[in-house]
Protein backbone atom coordinates (compact mmCIF):
# COMPACT_ATOMS: atom_id res chain seq x y z
CA MET A 1 0.00 0.00 0.00
CA ASN A 2 1.36 3.41 -1.00
CA ASN A 3 0.86 6.07 1.71
CA PRO A 4 1.01 9.69 0.54
CA MET A 5 3.46 11.98 2.31
CA PRO A 6 1.85 14.11 5.00
CA GLU A 7 1.14 17.77 4.21
CA ILE A 8 3.47 20.16 6.03
CA PHE A 9 2.16 23.61 6.96
CA ILE A 10 4.63 26.45 7.61
CA GLU A 11 3.80 30.06 8.45
CA ILE A 12 6.54 32.59 7.73
CA SER A 13 6.76 36.36 8.12
CA GLU A 14 6.58 38.78 5.22
CA ASP A 15 10.30 39.51 5.67
CA GLU A 16 11.10 35.78 5.53
CA PHE A 17 9.02 35.49 2.37
CA ASP A 18 10.84 38.44 0.77
CA ASN A 19 14.22 36.92 1.65
CA ARG A 20 13.36 33.39 0.55
CA TYR A 21 11.23 33.85 -2.56
CA GLN A 22 12.16 36.20 -5.40
CA LEU A 23 9.11 37.11 -7.50
CA LEU A 24 8.63 37.30 -11.24
CA GLU A 25 7.46 40.68 -12.51
CA ASN A 26 4.13 40.82 -14.31
CA HIS A 27 5.25 41.37 -17.90
CA ILE A 28 1.64 41.40 -19.17
CA ASN A 29 0.30 44.34 -17.13
CA PRO A 30 2.62 47.36 -16.75
CA HIS A 31 0.33 48.68 -13.98
CA ALA A 32 0.34 45.53 -11.82
CA SER A 33 0.46 46.02 -8.07
CA TRP A 34 2.85 44.41 -5.53
CA ALA A 35 5.75 46.50 -6.79
CA ASN A 36 9.11 46.75 -5.07
CA GLY A 37 10.37 50.32 -5.26
CA ASP A 38 10.46 51.59 -8.85
CA ARG A 39 10.33 48.08 -10.29
CA PRO A 40 7.24 46.76 -12.11
CA GLY A 41 4.56 45.02 -10.06
CA CYS A 42 4.39 41.26 -9.59
CA LEU A 43 0.68 40.58 -8.93
CA PHE A 44 -1.13 38.68 -11.70
CA GLU A 45 -4.91 39.00 -12.13
CA SER A 46 -7.23 36.04 -11.59
CA PHE A 47 -8.67 36.10 -15.13
CA GLY A 48 -7.77 36.46 -18.79
CA ASP A 49 -4.24 36.39 -20.20
CA GLU A 50 -2.67 36.83 -16.77
CA LEU A 51 -4.45 33.78 -15.31
CA ASN A 52 -3.60 31.80 -18.45
CA PHE A 53 0.08 32.64 -17.89
CA VAL A 54 -0.12 31.67 -14.20
CA ASN A 55 -1.72 28.33 -15.12
CA GLN A 56 1.27 27.52 -17.37
CA GLN A 57 3.77 27.83 -14.50
CA ASP A 58 5.16 25.19 -12.15
CA PRO A 59 2.42 24.76 -9.49
CA GLN A 60 5.10 24.84 -6.76
CA THR A 61 5.98 28.44 -7.76
CA ILE A 62 2.42 29.83 -7.63
CA TRP A 63 1.24 31.91 -4.67
CA THR A 64 -2.34 33.10 -4.10
CA LEU A 65 -3.10 36.40 -2.38
CA ILE A 66 -6.27 35.82 -0.37
CA ASP A 67 -8.64 38.21 1.35
CA GLY A 68 -9.12 36.61 4.77
CA ASP A 69 -12.42 36.45 6.64
CA ASP A 70 -10.73 38.31 9.52
CA GLY A 71 -10.03 41.46 7.45
CA ASP A 72 -6.36 40.59 6.94
CA MET A 73 -4.76 39.22 3.80
CA TYR A 74 -2.83 35.99 3.39
CA LEU A 75 -0.33 34.81 0.85
CA ILE A 76 -0.63 31.04 0.47
CA SER A 77 1.50 28.79 -1.71
CA GLY A 78 -0.41 27.08 -4.49
CA LEU A 79 -3.29 27.93 -6.79
CA HIS A 80 -6.43 28.73 -4.78
CA PHE A 81 -9.78 30.15 -5.86
CA ILE A 82 -11.84 31.12 -2.82
CA ASN A 83 -11.35 34.78 -1.75
CA ARG A 84 -8.48 35.17 -4.23
CA VAL A 85 -7.23 38.65 -5.03
CA GLY A 86 -4.49 37.62 -7.46
CA TYR A 87 -1.41 35.50 -7.93
CA LEU A 88 2.33 35.85 -7.46
CA LEU A 89 5.00 33.67 -9.06
CA SER A 90 8.26 32.88 -7.32
CA THR A 91 11.50 31.91 -9.03
CA SER A 92 12.08 29.10 -6.53
CA PRO A 93 9.52 26.41 -5.72
CA VAL A 94 7.91 25.55 -2.41
CA PRO A 95 8.86 21.99 -1.36
CA ILE A 96 6.43 19.28 -2.46
CA ASN A 97 3.72 18.42 0.11
CA THR A 98 4.33 21.73 1.87
CA THR A 99 1.99 24.69 2.23
CA VAL A 100 3.58 28.01 3.15
CA GLN A 101 1.45 30.88 4.47
CA VAL A 102 2.29 34.53 5.06
CA HIS A 103 -0.09 36.53 7.26
CA LEU A 104 -0.39 40.13 6.03
CA PRO A 105 -2.14 42.21 8.71
CA MET A 106 -4.21 45.02 7.26
CA SER A 107 -4.56 47.09 10.45
CA VAL A 108 -2.18 48.05 13.22
CA ASP A 109 -3.10 46.89 16.73
CA ASP A 110 -3.41 49.65 19.33
């Protein structure tokens, strides 16, 4: 009997994400968001030519920006559909059977 490997869940900080995963720039939309300084943005839309391009990439390099039910946003490795805002593509893959999540708080606690 062949047992699948267990799914590993890792939560990392936004700084850890930035240090670990370099992003591809969105070459389709010159006005894409998720820009770093003066560089072009990296966020791909969830429809049309941009989604078609995302779907052609290695699934281990796809990240989904999700609008969380708690008012915060989350960046989760893999291609997801529920509450999706858009997609990012990293140059290095997430390990197989691993889900990486980045919590992106949208408000500052008092």
